[in-house]
């Protein structure tokens, strides 16, 4: 049996996508997706929001061209493999989750219909 590494995420772009072109002509398009969820705190009765961020790297040429048309604030759905990048900076080890969308049907990217960002519902 083969292991499965597949993750899905929807959210909004935190900034315009960045495009990197490699010497062999391939491109990578990268952007961050912010995903928010909210709930009402049982103790305080206050509405609580939590936002998490994830980097997306698209290596699939057809989807990369589509990603280049995205802008900050656009809603997106992305599907790919979860990778963890790690590096050391100023003596501290850092890690970052990355959703990688590779060629040959290993992922998906869709721009979601425009919808206004709503504030959390008030009790």
PDB file of N, CA and C in Angstrom:
ATOM      1  N   UNK A   1       0.830  -1.174   0.000  1.00  0.00           N
ATOM      2  CA  UNK A   1       0.000   0.000   0.000  1.00  0.00           C
ATOM      3  C   UNK A   1       0.882   1.247   0.000  1.00  0.00           C
ATOM      4  N   UNK A   2       0.494   2.210  -0.789  1.00  0.00           N
ATOM      5  CA  UNK A   2       1.238   3.465  -0.899  1.00  0.00           C
ATOM      6  C   UNK A   2       0.665   4.498   0.069  1.00  0.00           C
ATOM      7  N   UNK A   3       1.543   5.284   0.672  1.00  0.00           N
ATOM      8  CA  UNK A   3       1.092   6.357   1.565  1.00  0.00           C
ATOM      9  C   UNK A   3       0.480   7.489   0.747  1.00  0.00           C
ATOM     10  N   UNK A   4      -0.396   8.239   1.371  1.00  0.00           N
ATOM     11  CA  UNK A   4      -1.051   9.365   0.713  1.00  0.00           C
ATOM     12  C   UNK A   4      -0.637  10.653   1.422  1.00  0.00           C
ATOM     13  N   UNK A   5      -0.149  11.611   0.648  1.00  0.00           N
ATOM     14  CA  UNK A   5       0.196  12.928   1.174  1.00  0.00           C
ATOM     15  C   UNK A   5      -0.604  13.941   0.365  1.00  0.00           C
ATOM     16  N   UNK A   6      -1.780  14.276   0.855  1.00  0.00           N
ATOM     17  CA  UNK A   6      -2.683  15.172   0.142  1.00  0.00           C
ATOM     18  C   UNK A   6      -3.346  16.084   1.168  1.00  0.00           C
ATOM     19  N   UNK A   7      -3.314  17.390   0.878  1.00  0.00           N
ATOM     20  CA  UNK A   7      -3.933  18.359   1.776  1.00  0.00           C
ATOM     21  C   UNK A   7      -4.748  19.337   0.940  1.00  0.00           C
ATOM     22  N   UNK A   8      -5.851  19.804   1.513  1.00  0.00           N
ATOM     23  CA  UNK A   8      -6.722  20.781   0.860  1.00  0.00           C
ATOM     24  C   UNK A   8      -6.824  21.993   1.770  1.00  0.00           C
ATOM     25  N   UNK A   9      -6.864  23.165   1.147  1.00  0.00           N
ATOM     26  CA  UNK A   9      -6.980  24.384   1.943  1.00  0.00           C
ATOM     27  C   UNK A   9      -7.701  25.445   1.123  1.00  0.00           C
ATOM     28  N   UNK A  10      -8.534  26.206   1.791  1.00  0.00           N
ATOM     29  CA  UNK A  10      -9.139  27.365   1.143  1.00  0.00           C
ATOM     30  C   UNK A  10      -8.941  28.565   2.061  1.00  0.00           C
ATOM     31  N   UNK A  11      -8.830  29.711   1.451  1.00  0.00           N
ATOM     32  CA  UNK A  11      -8.612  30.931   2.213  1.00  0.00           C
ATOM     33  C   UNK A  11      -8.363  32.086   1.270  1.00  0.00           C
ATOM     34  N   UNK A  12      -7.671  33.103   1.777  1.00  0.00           N
ATOM     35  CA  UNK A  12      -7.399  34.305   0.985  1.00  0.00           C
ATOM     36  C   UNK A  12      -5.901  34.540   0.887  1.00  0.00           C
ATOM     37  N   UNK A  13      -5.476  35.059  -0.273  1.00  0.00           N
ATOM     38  CA  UNK A  13      -4.069  35.397  -0.463  1.00  0.00           C
ATOM     39  C   UNK A  13      -3.705  36.583   0.417  1.00  0.00           C
ATOM     40  N   UNK A  14      -2.542  36.501   1.075  1.00  0.00           N
ATOM     41  CA  UNK A  14      -2.098  37.591   1.945  1.00  0.00           C
ATOM     42  C   UNK A  14      -1.319  38.655   1.177  1.00  0.00           C
ATOM     43  N   UNK A  15      -0.855  38.319  -0.034  1.00  0.00           N
ATOM     44  CA  UNK A  15      -0.191  39.279  -0.915  1.00  0.00           C
ATOM     45  C   UNK A  15      -0.215  38.706  -2.325  1.00  0.00           C
ATOM     46  N   UNK A  16       0.162  39.511  -3.306  1.00  0.00           N
ATOM     47  CA  UNK A  16       0.194  39.037  -4.683  1.00  0.00           C
ATOM     48  C   UNK A  16       1.190  37.885  -4.818  1.00  0.00           C
ATOM     49  N   UNK A  17       0.920  36.922  -5.706  1.00  0.00           N
ATOM     50  CA  UNK A  17       1.849  35.808  -5.924  1.00  0.00           C
ATOM     51  C   UNK A  17       3.199  36.290  -6.454  1.00  0.00           C
ATOM     52  N   UNK A  18       4.249  35.538  -6.113  1.00  0.00           N
ATOM     53  CA  UNK A  18       5.593  35.824  -6.608  1.00  0.00           C
ATOM     54  C   UNK A  18       5.982  34.717  -7.576  1.00  0.00           C
ATOM     55  N   UNK A  19       6.559  35.094  -8.718  1.00  0.00           N
ATOM     56  CA  UNK A  19       6.949  34.124  -9.741  1.00  0.00           C
ATOM     57  C   UNK A  19       8.463  34.039  -9.821  1.00  0.00           C
ATOM     58  N   UNK A  20       8.979  32.811  -9.832  1.00  0.00           N
ATOM     59  CA  UNK A  20      10.402  32.548  -9.978  1.00  0.00           C
ATOM     60  C   UNK A  20      10.592  31.725 -11.247  1.00  0.00           C
ATOM     61  N   UNK A  21      11.514  32.163 -12.100  1.00  0.00           N
ATOM     62  CA  UNK A  21      11.794  31.415 -13.327  1.00  0.00           C
ATOM     63  C   UNK A  21      13.150  30.738 -13.192  1.00  0.00           C
ATOM     64  N   UNK A  22      13.185  29.437 -13.482  1.00  0.00           N
ATOM     65  CA  UNK A  22      14.411  28.661 -13.400  1.00  0.00           C
ATOM     66  C   UNK A  22      15.136  28.688 -14.749  1.00  0.00           C
ATOM     67  N   UNK A  23      16.420  28.354 -14.740  1.00  0.00           N
ATOM     68  CA  UNK A  23      17.236  28.373 -15.959  1.00  0.00           C
ATOM     69  C   UNK A  23      16.682  27.456 -17.045  1.00  0.00           C
ATOM     70  N   UNK A  24      16.012  26.374 -16.651  1.00  0.00           N
ATOM     71  CA  UNK A  24      15.481  25.429 -17.645  1.00  0.00           C
ATOM     72  C   UNK A  24      14.131  25.867 -18.217  1.00  0.00           C
ATOM     73  N   UNK A  25      13.646  27.055 -17.822  1.00  0.00           N
ATOM     74  CA  UNK A  25      12.388  27.574 -18.351  1.00  0.00           C
ATOM     75  C   UNK A  25      11.176  27.270 -17.496  1.00  0.00           C
ATOM     76  N   UNK A  26      11.310  26.380 -16.530  1.00  0.00           N
ATOM     77  CA  UNK A  26      10.197  26.097 -15.627  1.00  0.00           C
ATOM     78  C   UNK A  26       9.989  27.266 -14.680  1.00  0.00           C
ATOM     79  N   UNK A  27       8.772  27.372 -14.162  1.00  0.00           N
ATOM     80  CA  UNK A  27       8.482  28.447 -13.214  1.00  0.00           C
ATOM     81  C   UNK A  27       7.860  27.879 -11.943  1.00  0.00           C
ATOM     82  N   UNK A  28       7.998  28.647 -10.888  1.00  0.00           N
ATOM     83  CA  UNK A  28       7.325  28.346  -9.616  1.00  0.00           C
ATOM     84  C   UNK A  28       6.610  29.612  -9.202  1.00  0.00           C
ATOM     85  N   UNK A  29       5.362  29.468  -8.816  1.00  0.00           N
ATOM     86  CA  UNK A  29       4.587  30.588  -8.303  1.00  0.00           C
ATOM     87  C   UNK A  29       4.306  30.309  -6.827  1.00  0.00           C
ATOM     88  N   UNK A  30       4.624  31.273  -5.974  1.00  0.00           N
ATOM     89  CA  UNK A  30       4.450  31.105  -4.532  1.00  0.00           C
ATOM     90  C   UNK A  30       3.548  32.196  -3.973  1.00  0.00           C
ATOM     91  N   UNK A  31       2.758  31.808  -2.988  1.00  0.00           N
ATOM     92  CA  UNK A  31       1.923  32.776  -2.272  1.00  0.00           C
ATOM     93  C   UNK A  31       1.516  32.176  -0.934  1.00  0.00           C
ATOM     94  N   UNK A  32       1.056  33.032  -0.037  1.00  0.00           N
ATOM     95  CA  UNK A  32       0.557  32.595   1.263  1.00  0.00           C
ATOM     96  C   UNK A  32      -0.963  32.637   1.268  1.00  0.00           C
ATOM     97  N   UNK A  33      -1.555  31.653   1.950  1.00  0.00           N
ATOM     98  CA  UNK A  33      -3.003  31.602   2.113  1.00  0.00           C
ATOM     99  C   UNK A  33      -3.320  31.714   3.607  1.00  0.00           C
ATOM    100  N   UNK A  34      -4.208  32.634   3.932  1.00  0.00           N
ATOM    101  CA  UNK A  34      -4.687  32.797   5.306  1.00  0.00           C
ATOM    102  C   UNK A  34      -6.056  32.140   5.410  1.00  0.00           C
ATOM    103  N   UNK A  35      -6.199  31.289   6.408  1.00  0.00           N
ATOM    104  CA  UNK A  35      -7.460  30.606   6.642  1.00  0.00           C
ATOM    105  C   UNK A  35      -7.945  30.966   8.046  1.00  0.00           C
ATOM    106  N   UNK A  36      -9.163  31.450   8.131  1.00  0.00           N
ATOM    107  CA  UNK A  36      -9.702  31.888   9.422  1.00  0.00           C
ATOM    108  C   UNK A  36     -10.870  31.026   9.856  1.00  0.00           C
ATOM    109  N   UNK A  37     -10.994  30.897  11.150  1.00  0.00           N
ATOM    110  CA  UNK A  37     -12.179  30.254  11.712  1.00  0.00           C
ATOM    111  C   UNK A  37     -12.576  31.035  12.955  1.00  0.00           C
ATOM    112  N   UNK A  38     -13.826  30.939  13.303  1.00  0.00           N
ATOM    113  CA  UNK A  38     -14.314  31.685  14.458  1.00  0.00           C
ATOM    114  C   UNK A  38     -15.281  30.866  15.279  1.00  0.00           C
ATOM    115  N   UNK A  39     -15.352  31.191  16.552  1.00  0.00           N
ATOM    116  CA  UNK A  39     -16.267  30.520  17.446  1.00  0.00           C
ATOM    117  C   UNK A  39     -16.573  31.427  18.629  1.00  0.00           C
ATOM    118  N   UNK A  40     -17.644  31.093  19.299  1.00  0.00           N
ATOM    119  CA  UNK A  40     -18.040  31.856  20.481  1.00  0.00           C
ATOM    120  C   UNK A  40     -17.450  31.173  21.713  1.00  0.00           C
ATOM    121  N   UNK A  41     -16.678  31.933  22.496  1.00  0.00           N
ATOM    122  CA  UNK A  41     -16.065  31.397  23.704  1.00  0.00           C
ATOM    123  C   UNK A  41     -17.146  31.091  24.737  1.00  0.00           C
ATOM    124  N   UNK A  42     -17.131  29.890  25.259  1.00  0.00           N
ATOM    125  CA  UNK A  42     -18.177  29.472  26.221  1.00  0.00           C
ATOM    126  C   UNK A  42     -18.147  30.279  27.510  1.00  0.00           C
ATOM    127  N   UNK A  43     -16.928  30.587  27.988  1.00  0.00           N
ATOM    128  CA  UNK A  43     -16.812  31.275  29.270  1.00  0.00           C
ATOM    129  C   UNK A  43     -17.137  32.767  29.181  1.00  0.00           C
ATOM    130  N   UNK A  44     -16.543  33.434  28.196  1.00  0.00           N
ATOM    131  CA  UNK A  44     -16.711  34.888  28.115  1.00  0.00           C
ATOM    132  C   UNK A  44     -17.899  35.308  27.254  1.00  0.00           C
ATOM    133  N   UNK A  45     -18.347  34.423  26.370  1.00  0.00           N
ATOM    134  CA  UNK A  45     -19.418  34.777  25.453  1.00  0.00           C
ATOM    135  C   UNK A  45     -18.942  35.645  24.296  1.00  0.00           C
ATOM    136  N   UNK A  46     -17.631  35.937  24.257  1.00  0.00           N
ATOM    137  CA  UNK A  46     -17.044  36.750  23.203  1.00  0.00           C
ATOM    138  C   UNK A  46     -16.767  35.909  21.961  1.00  0.00           C
ATOM    139  N   UNK A  47     -16.832  36.571  20.793  1.00  0.00           N
ATOM    140  CA  UNK A  47     -16.506  35.917  19.541  1.00  0.00           C
ATOM    141  C   UNK A  47     -14.979  35.888  19.394  1.00  0.00           C
ATOM    142  N   UNK A  48     -14.408  34.711  19.100  1.00  0.00           N
ATOM    143  CA  UNK A  48     -12.969  34.530  18.972  1.00  0.00           C
ATOM    144  C   UNK A  48     -12.642  34.162  17.528  1.00  0.00           C
ATOM    145  N   UNK A  49     -11.643  34.820  16.946  1.00  0.00           N
ATOM    146  CA  UNK A  49     -11.174  34.493  15.598  1.00  0.00           C
ATOM    147  C   UNK A  49      -9.765  33.950  15.682  1.00  0.00           C
ATOM    148  N   UNK A  50      -9.478  32.951  14.871  1.00  0.00           N
ATOM    149  CA  UNK A  50      -8.124  32.413  14.776  1.00  0.00           C
ATOM    150  C   UNK A  50      -7.780  32.284  13.293  1.00  0.00           C
ATOM    151  N   UNK A  51      -6.630  32.808  12.921  1.00  0.00           N
ATOM    152  CA  UNK A  51      -6.176  32.747  11.537  1.00  0.00           C
ATOM    153  C   UNK A  51      -4.861  31.986  11.485  1.00  0.00           C
ATOM    154  N   UNK A  52      -4.760  31.070  10.536  1.00  0.00           N
ATOM    155  CA  UNK A  52      -3.500  30.356  10.314  1.00  0.00           C
ATOM    156  C   UNK A  52      -3.039  30.617   8.884  1.00  0.00           C
ATOM    157  N   UNK A  53      -1.743  30.473   8.669  1.00  0.00           N
ATOM    158  CA  UNK A  53      -1.142  30.808   7.383  1.00  0.00           C
ATOM    159  C   UNK A  53      -0.380  29.617   6.842  1.00  0.00           C
ATOM    160  N   UNK A  54      -0.401  29.471   5.533  1.00  0.00           N
ATOM    161  CA  UNK A  54       0.339  28.383   4.898  1.00  0.00           C
ATOM    162  C   UNK A  54       0.881  28.874   3.550  1.00  0.00           C
ATOM    163  N   UNK A  55       2.139  28.568   3.299  1.00  0.00           N
ATOM    164  CA  UNK A  55       2.778  28.892   2.023  1.00  0.00           C
ATOM    165  C   UNK A  55       2.328  27.875   0.973  1.00  0.00           C
ATOM    166  N   UNK A  56       2.136  28.331  -0.260  1.00  0.00           N
ATOM    167  CA  UNK A  56       1.790  27.467  -1.389  1.00  0.00           C
ATOM    168  C   UNK A  56       2.850  27.662  -2.462  1.00  0.00           C
ATOM    169  N   UNK A  57       3.368  26.566  -3.004  1.00  0.00           N
ATOM    170  CA  UNK A  57       4.346  26.613  -4.097  1.00  0.00           C
ATOM    171  C   UNK A  57       3.804  25.778  -5.245  1.00  0.00           C
ATOM    172  N   UNK A  58       3.601  26.420  -6.388  1.00  0.00           N
ATOM    173  CA  UNK A  58       3.019  25.735  -7.544  1.00  0.00           C
ATOM    174  C   UNK A  58       4.103  25.520  -8.588  1.00  0.00           C
ATOM    175  N   UNK A  59       4.345  24.240  -8.912  1.00  0.00           N
ATOM    176  CA  UNK A  59       5.327  23.861  -9.916  1.00  0.00           C
ATOM    177  C   UNK A  59       4.654  23.356 -11.190  1.00  0.00           C
ATOM    178  N   UNK A  60       3.352  23.174 -11.149  1.00  0.00           N
ATOM    179  CA  UNK A  60       2.577  22.718 -12.296  1.00  0.00           C
ATOM    180  C   UNK A  60       2.434  23.911 -13.240  1.00  0.00           C
ATOM    181  N   UNK A  61       2.995  23.827 -14.441  1.00  0.00           N
ATOM    182  CA  UNK A  61       3.078  24.983 -15.339  1.00  0.00           C
ATOM    183  C   UNK A  61       1.711  25.561 -15.704  1.00  0.00           C
ATOM    184  N   UNK A  62       0.744  24.689 -15.960  1.00  0.00           N
ATOM    185  CA  UNK A  62      -0.587  25.176 -16.336  1.00  0.00           C
ATOM    186  C   UNK A  62      -1.233  25.927 -15.161  1.00  0.00           C
ATOM    187  N   UNK A  63      -1.142  25.360 -13.960  1.00  0.00           N
ATOM    188  CA  UNK A  63      -1.726  26.014 -12.792  1.00  0.00           C
ATOM    189  C   UNK A  63      -0.918  27.249 -12.385  1.00  0.00           C
ATOM    190  N   UNK A  64       0.394  27.236 -12.647  1.00  0.00           N
ATOM    191  CA  UNK A  64       1.225  28.396 -12.320  1.00  0.00           C
ATOM    192  C   UNK A  64       0.777  29.612 -13.124  1.00  0.00           C
ATOM    193  N   UNK A  65       0.465  29.408 -14.376  1.00  0.00           N
ATOM    194  CA  UNK A  65      -0.015  30.530 -15.206  1.00  0.00           C
ATOM    195  C   UNK A  65      -1.343  31.058 -14.663  1.00  0.00           C
ATOM    196  N   UNK A  66      -2.205  30.158 -14.205  1.00  0.00           N
ATOM    197  CA  UNK A  66      -3.472  30.572 -13.603  1.00  0.00           C
ATOM    198  C   UNK A  66      -3.209  31.347 -12.314  1.00  0.00           C
ATOM    199  N   UNK A  67      -2.258  30.879 -11.512  1.00  0.00           N
ATOM    200  CA  UNK A  67      -1.955  31.521 -10.227  1.00  0.00           C
ATOM    201  C   UNK A  67      -1.415  32.934 -10.416  1.00  0.00           C
ATOM    202  N   UNK A  68      -0.741  33.186 -11.534  1.00  0.00           N
ATOM    203  CA  UNK A  68      -0.174  34.514 -11.780  1.00  0.00           C
ATOM    204  C   UNK A  68      -1.256  35.581 -11.914  1.00  0.00           C
ATOM    205  N   UNK A  69      -2.485  35.172 -12.193  1.00  0.00           N
ATOM    206  CA  UNK A  69      -3.574  36.143 -12.332  1.00  0.00           C
ATOM    207  C   UNK A  69      -4.224  36.485 -10.991  1.00  0.00           C
ATOM    208  N   UNK A  70      -3.832  35.799  -9.936  1.00  0.00           N
ATOM    209  CA  UNK A  70      -4.410  36.053  -8.621  1.00  0.00           C
ATOM    210  C   UNK A  70      -3.849  37.336  -8.016  1.00  0.00           C
ATOM    211  N   UNK A  71      -4.611  37.904  -7.103  1.00  0.00           N
ATOM    212  CA  UNK A  71      -4.213  39.136  -6.419  1.00  0.00           C
ATOM    213  C   UNK A  71      -4.446  38.990  -4.917  1.00  0.00           C
ATOM    214  N   UNK A  72      -3.783  39.832  -4.155  1.00  0.00           N
ATOM    215  CA  UNK A  72      -3.971  39.870  -2.708  1.00  0.00           C
ATOM    216  C   UNK A  72      -5.464  39.968  -2.394  1.00  0.00           C
ATOM    217  N   UNK A  73      -5.928  39.145  -1.455  1.00  0.00           N
ATOM    218  CA  UNK A  73      -7.322  39.174  -1.036  1.00  0.00           C
ATOM    219  C   UNK A  73      -8.217  38.198  -1.775  1.00  0.00           C
ATOM    220  N   UNK A  74      -7.747  37.661  -2.921  1.00  0.00           N
ATOM    221  CA  UNK A  74      -8.559  36.688  -3.660  1.00  0.00           C
ATOM    222  C   UNK A  74      -8.762  35.426  -2.837  1.00  0.00           C
ATOM    223  N   UNK A  75      -9.955  34.885  -2.923  1.00  0.00           N
ATOM    224  CA  UNK A  75     -10.240  33.604  -2.294  1.00  0.00           C
ATOM    225  C   UNK A  75      -9.782  32.477  -3.204  1.00  0.00           C
ATOM    226  N   UNK A  76      -9.101  31.461  -2.629  1.00  0.00           N
ATOM    227  CA  UNK A  76      -8.610  30.338  -3.420  1.00  0.00           C
ATOM    228  C   UNK A  76      -8.859  29.018  -2.702  1.00  0.00           C
ATOM    229  N   UNK A  77      -8.922  27.965  -3.510  1.00  0.00           N
ATOM    230  CA  UNK A  77      -8.905  26.586  -3.028  1.00  0.00           C
ATOM    231  C   UNK A  77      -7.659  25.968  -3.627  1.00  0.00           C
ATOM    232  N   UNK A  78      -6.845  25.326  -2.812  1.00  0.00           N
ATOM    233  CA  UNK A  78      -5.631  24.691  -3.310  1.00  0.00           C
ATOM    234  C   UNK A  78      -5.530  23.283  -2.738  1.00  0.00           C
ATOM    235  N   UNK A  79      -5.018  22.380  -3.549  1.00  0.00           N
ATOM    236  CA  UNK A  79      -4.848  20.988  -3.145  1.00  0.00           C
ATOM    237  C   UNK A  79      -3.473  20.529  -3.605  1.00  0.00           C
ATOM    238  N   UNK A  80      -2.726  19.891  -2.728  1.00  0.00           N
ATOM    239  CA  UNK A  80      -1.387  19.415  -3.082  1.00  0.00           C
ATOM    240  C   UNK A  80      -0.800  18.582  -1.967  1.00  0.00           C
ATOM    241  N   UNK A  81       0.512  18.393  -2.013  1.00  0.00           N
ATOM    242  CA  UNK A  81       1.227  17.596  -1.010  1.00  0.00           C
ATOM    243  C   UNK A  81       1.777  18.524   0.068  1.00  0.00           C
ATOM    244  N   UNK A  82       1.678  18.099   1.319  1.00  0.00           N
ATOM    245  CA  UNK A  82       2.203  18.890   2.429  1.00  0.00           C
ATOM    246  C   UNK A  82       3.677  18.572   2.628  1.00  0.00           C
ATOM    247  N   UNK A  83       4.487  19.597   2.592  1.00  0.00           N
ATOM    248  CA  UNK A  83       5.924  19.485   2.852  1.00  0.00           C
ATOM    249  C   UNK A  83       6.262  20.439   3.988  1.00  0.00           C
ATOM    250  N   UNK A  84       7.309  20.129   4.740  1.00  0.00           N
ATOM    251  CA  UNK A  84       7.767  21.005   5.817  1.00  0.00           C
ATOM    252  C   UNK A  84       9.166  21.490   5.472  1.00  0.00           C
ATOM    253  N   UNK A  85       9.291  22.779   5.217  1.00  0.00           N
ATOM    254  CA  UNK A  85      10.610  23.379   4.965  1.00  0.00           C
ATOM    255  C   UNK A  85      11.224  23.747   6.305  1.00  0.00           C
ATOM    256  N   UNK A  86      12.521  23.502   6.447  1.00  0.00           N
ATOM    257  CA  UNK A  86      13.201  23.897   7.683  1.00  0.00           C
ATOM    258  C   UNK A  86      14.530  24.558   7.329  1.00  0.00           C
ATOM    259  N   UNK A  87      14.926  25.531   8.156  1.00  0.00           N
ATOM    260  CA  UNK A  87      16.161  26.246   7.957  1.00  0.00           C
ATOM    261  C   UNK A  87      16.573  26.860   9.284  1.00  0.00           C
ATOM    262  N   UNK A  88      17.791  27.375   9.323  1.00  0.00           N
ATOM    263  CA  UNK A  88      18.281  28.036  10.521  1.00  0.00           C
ATOM    264  C   UNK A  88      18.562  29.496  10.198  1.00  0.00           C
ATOM    265  N   UNK A  89      18.093  30.381  11.074  1.00  0.00           N
ATOM    266  CA  UNK A  89      18.317  31.812  10.894  1.00  0.00           C
ATOM    267  C   UNK A  89      18.644  32.418  12.249  1.00  0.00           C
ATOM    268  N   UNK A  90      19.738  33.139  12.303  1.00  0.00           N
ATOM    269  CA  UNK A  90      20.186  33.780  13.545  1.00  0.00           C
ATOM    270  C   UNK A  90      20.278  32.780  14.693  1.00  0.00           C
ATOM    271  N   UNK A  91      20.736  31.576  14.381  1.00  0.00           N
ATOM    272  CA  UNK A  91      20.926  30.546  15.404  1.00  0.00           C
ATOM    273  C   UNK A  91      19.657  29.830  15.831  1.00  0.00           C
ATOM    274  N   UNK A  92      18.517  30.205  15.264  1.00  0.00           N
ATOM    275  CA  UNK A  92      17.249  29.560  15.632  1.00  0.00           C
ATOM    276  C   UNK A  92      16.754  28.693  14.471  1.00  0.00           C
ATOM    277  N   UNK A  93      16.311  27.493  14.801  1.00  0.00           N
ATOM    278  CA  UNK A  93      15.760  26.607  13.783  1.00  0.00           C
ATOM    279  C   UNK A  93      14.314  27.011  13.511  1.00  0.00           C
ATOM    280  N   UNK A  94      13.968  27.110  12.239  1.00  0.00           N
ATOM    281  CA  UNK A  94      12.618  27.511  11.843  1.00  0.00           C
ATOM    282  C   UNK A  94      12.032  26.462  10.916  1.00  0.00           C
ATOM    283  N   UNK A  95      10.718  26.362  10.958  1.00  0.00           N
ATOM    284  CA  UNK A  95      10.010  25.449  10.051  1.00  0.00           C
ATOM    285  C   UNK A  95       8.786  26.167   9.496  1.00  0.00           C
ATOM    286  N   UNK A  96       8.358  25.701   8.319  1.00  0.00           N
ATOM    287  CA  UNK A  96       7.197  26.303   7.678  1.00  0.00           C
ATOM    288  C   UNK A  96       6.490  25.236   6.851  1.00  0.00           C
ATOM    289  N   UNK A  97       5.174  25.067   7.059  1.00  0.00           N
ATOM    290  CA  UNK A  97       4.441  24.136   6.203  1.00  0.00           C
ATOM    291  C   UNK A  97       4.242  24.745   4.816  1.00  0.00           C
ATOM    292  N   UNK A  98       4.391  23.916   3.785  1.00  0.00           N
ATOM    293  CA  UNK A  98       4.221  24.356   2.407  1.00  0.00           C
ATOM    294  C   UNK A  98       3.350  23.338   1.685  1.00  0.00           C
ATOM    295  N   UNK A  99       2.344  23.833   0.964  1.00  0.00           N
ATOM    296  CA  UNK A  99       1.570  22.961   0.086  1.00  0.00           C
ATOM    297  C   UNK A  99       2.212  23.047  -1.286  1.00  0.00           C
ATOM    298  N   UNK A 100       2.733  21.909  -1.774  1.00  0.00           N
ATOM    299  CA  UNK A 100       3.370  21.881  -3.089  1.00  0.00           C
ATOM    300  C   UNK A 100       2.420  21.276  -4.108  1.00  0.00           C
ATOM    301  N   UNK A 101       2.205  22.011  -5.191  1.00  0.00           N
ATOM    302  CA  UNK A 101       1.373  21.533  -6.295  1.00  0.00           C
ATOM    303  C   UNK A 101       2.332  21.200  -7.430  1.00  0.00           C
ATOM    304  N   UNK A 102       2.446  19.913  -7.727  1.00  0.00           N
ATOM    305  CA  UNK A 102       3.400  19.417  -8.714  1.00  0.00           C
ATOM    306  C   UNK A 102       2.700  19.066 -10.020  1.00  0.00           C
ATOM    307  N   UNK A 103       3.492  18.821 -11.083  1.00  0.00           N
ATOM    308  CA  UNK A 103       2.903  18.429 -12.374  1.00  0.00           C
ATOM    309  C   UNK A 103       2.242  17.060 -12.327  1.00  0.00           C
ATOM    310  N   UNK A 104       1.639  16.687 -13.418  1.00  0.00           N
ATOM    311  CA  UNK A 104       1.037  15.366 -13.631  1.00  0.00           C
ATOM    312  C   UNK A 104      -0.174  15.126 -12.744  1.00  0.00           C
ATOM    313  N   UNK A 105      -1.001  16.139 -12.598  1.00  0.00           N
ATOM    314  CA  UNK A 105      -2.258  15.968 -11.892  1.00  0.00           C
ATOM    315  C   UNK A 105      -2.149  15.842 -10.396  1.00  0.00           C
ATOM    316  N   UNK A 106      -1.008  16.205  -9.827  1.00  0.00           N
ATOM    317  CA  UNK A 106      -0.830  16.076  -8.381  1.00  0.00           C
ATOM    318  C   UNK A 106      -1.237  17.354  -7.663  1.00  0.00           C
ATOM    319  N   UNK A 107      -2.438  17.818  -7.878  1.00  0.00           N
ATOM    320  CA  UNK A 107      -2.904  18.997  -7.171  1.00  0.00           C
ATOM    321  C   UNK A 107      -3.914  19.780  -7.969  1.00  0.00           C
ATOM    322  N   UNK A 108      -4.427  20.826  -7.341  1.00  0.00           N
ATOM    323  CA  UNK A 108      -5.462  21.633  -7.963  1.00  0.00           C
ATOM    324  C   UNK A 108      -5.390  23.039  -7.393  1.00  0.00           C
ATOM    325  N   UNK A 109      -5.817  24.010  -8.189  1.00  0.00           N
ATOM    326  CA  UNK A 109      -5.911  25.401  -7.763  1.00  0.00           C
ATOM    327  C   UNK A 109      -7.153  25.977  -8.404  1.00  0.00           C
ATOM    328  N   UNK A 110      -7.982  26.608  -7.592  1.00  0.00           N
ATOM    329  CA  UNK A 110      -9.184  27.259  -8.119  1.00  0.00           C
ATOM    330  C   UNK A 110      -9.371  28.598  -7.431  1.00  0.00           C
ATOM    331  N   UNK A 111      -9.700  29.590  -8.240  1.00  0.00           N
ATOM    332  CA  UNK A 111     -10.067  30.883  -7.659  1.00  0.00           C
ATOM    333  C   UNK A 111     -11.523  30.772  -7.251  1.00  0.00           C
ATOM    334  N   UNK A 112     -11.805  31.169  -6.031  1.00  0.00           N
ATOM    335  CA  UNK A 112     -13.171  31.119  -5.532  1.00  0.00           C
ATOM    336  C   UNK A 112     -13.911  32.369  -5.958  1.00  0.00           C
ATOM    337  N   UNK A 113     -15.204  32.255  -6.078  1.00  0.00           N
ATOM    338  CA  UNK A 113     -16.032  33.404  -6.445  1.00  0.00           C
ATOM    339  C   UNK A 113     -15.772  34.527  -5.452  1.00  0.00           C
ATOM    340  N   UNK A 114     -15.802  35.736  -5.950  1.00  0.00           N
ATOM    341  CA  UNK A 114     -15.587  36.889  -5.081  1.00  0.00           C
ATOM    342  C   UNK A 114     -16.703  36.980  -4.052  1.00  0.00           C
ATOM    343  N   UNK A 115     -16.312  37.150  -2.828  1.00  0.00           N
ATOM    344  CA  UNK A 115     -17.291  37.338  -1.776  1.00  0.00           C
ATOM    345  C   UNK A 115     -16.682  38.289  -0.758  1.00  0.00           C
ATOM    346  N   UNK A 116     -17.484  39.169  -0.199  1.00  0.00           N
ATOM    347  CA  UNK A 116     -16.935  40.136   0.755  1.00  0.00           C
ATOM    348  C   UNK A 116     -16.537  39.443   2.049  1.00  0.00           C
ATOM    349  N   UNK A 117     -15.445  39.889   2.623  1.00  0.00           N
ATOM    350  CA  UNK A 117     -15.017  39.352   3.906  1.00  0.00           C
ATOM    351  C   UNK A 117     -15.948  39.902   4.972  1.00  0.00           C
ATOM    352  N   UNK A 118     -16.537  38.997   5.721  1.00  0.00           N
ATOM    353  CA  UNK A 118     -17.483  39.401   6.744  1.00  0.00           C
ATOM    354  C   UNK A 118     -16.804  39.399   8.103  1.00  0.00           C
ATOM    355  N   UNK A 119     -17.222  40.319   8.926  1.00  0.00           N
ATOM    356  CA  UNK A 119     -16.769  40.288  10.315  1.00  0.00           C
ATOM    357  C   UNK A 119     -17.482  39.152  11.020  1.00  0.00           C
ATOM    358  N   UNK A 120     -16.940  38.747  12.128  1.00  0.00           N
ATOM    359  CA  UNK A 120     -17.547  37.676  12.902  1.00  0.00           C
ATOM    360  C   UNK A 120     -18.959  38.068  13.313  1.00  0.00           C
ATOM    361  N   UNK A 121     -19.874  37.111  13.272  1.00  0.00           N
ATOM    362  CA  UNK A 121     -21.242  37.434  13.705  1.00  0.00           C
ATOM    363  C   UNK A 121     -21.253  37.868  15.166  1.00  0.00           C
ATOM    364  N   UNK A 122     -22.085  38.789  15.461  1.00  0.00           N
ATOM    365  CA  UNK A 122     -22.213  39.279  16.838  1.00  0.00           C
ATOM    366  C   UNK A 122     -23.371  38.589  17.522  1.00  0.00           C
ATOM    367  N   UNK A 123     -23.194  38.258  18.790  1.00  0.00           N
ATOM    368  CA  UNK A 123     -24.263  37.577  19.528  1.00  0.00           C
ATOM    369  C   UNK A 123     -25.494  38.447  19.695  1.00  0.00           C
TER     370      UNK A 123
END
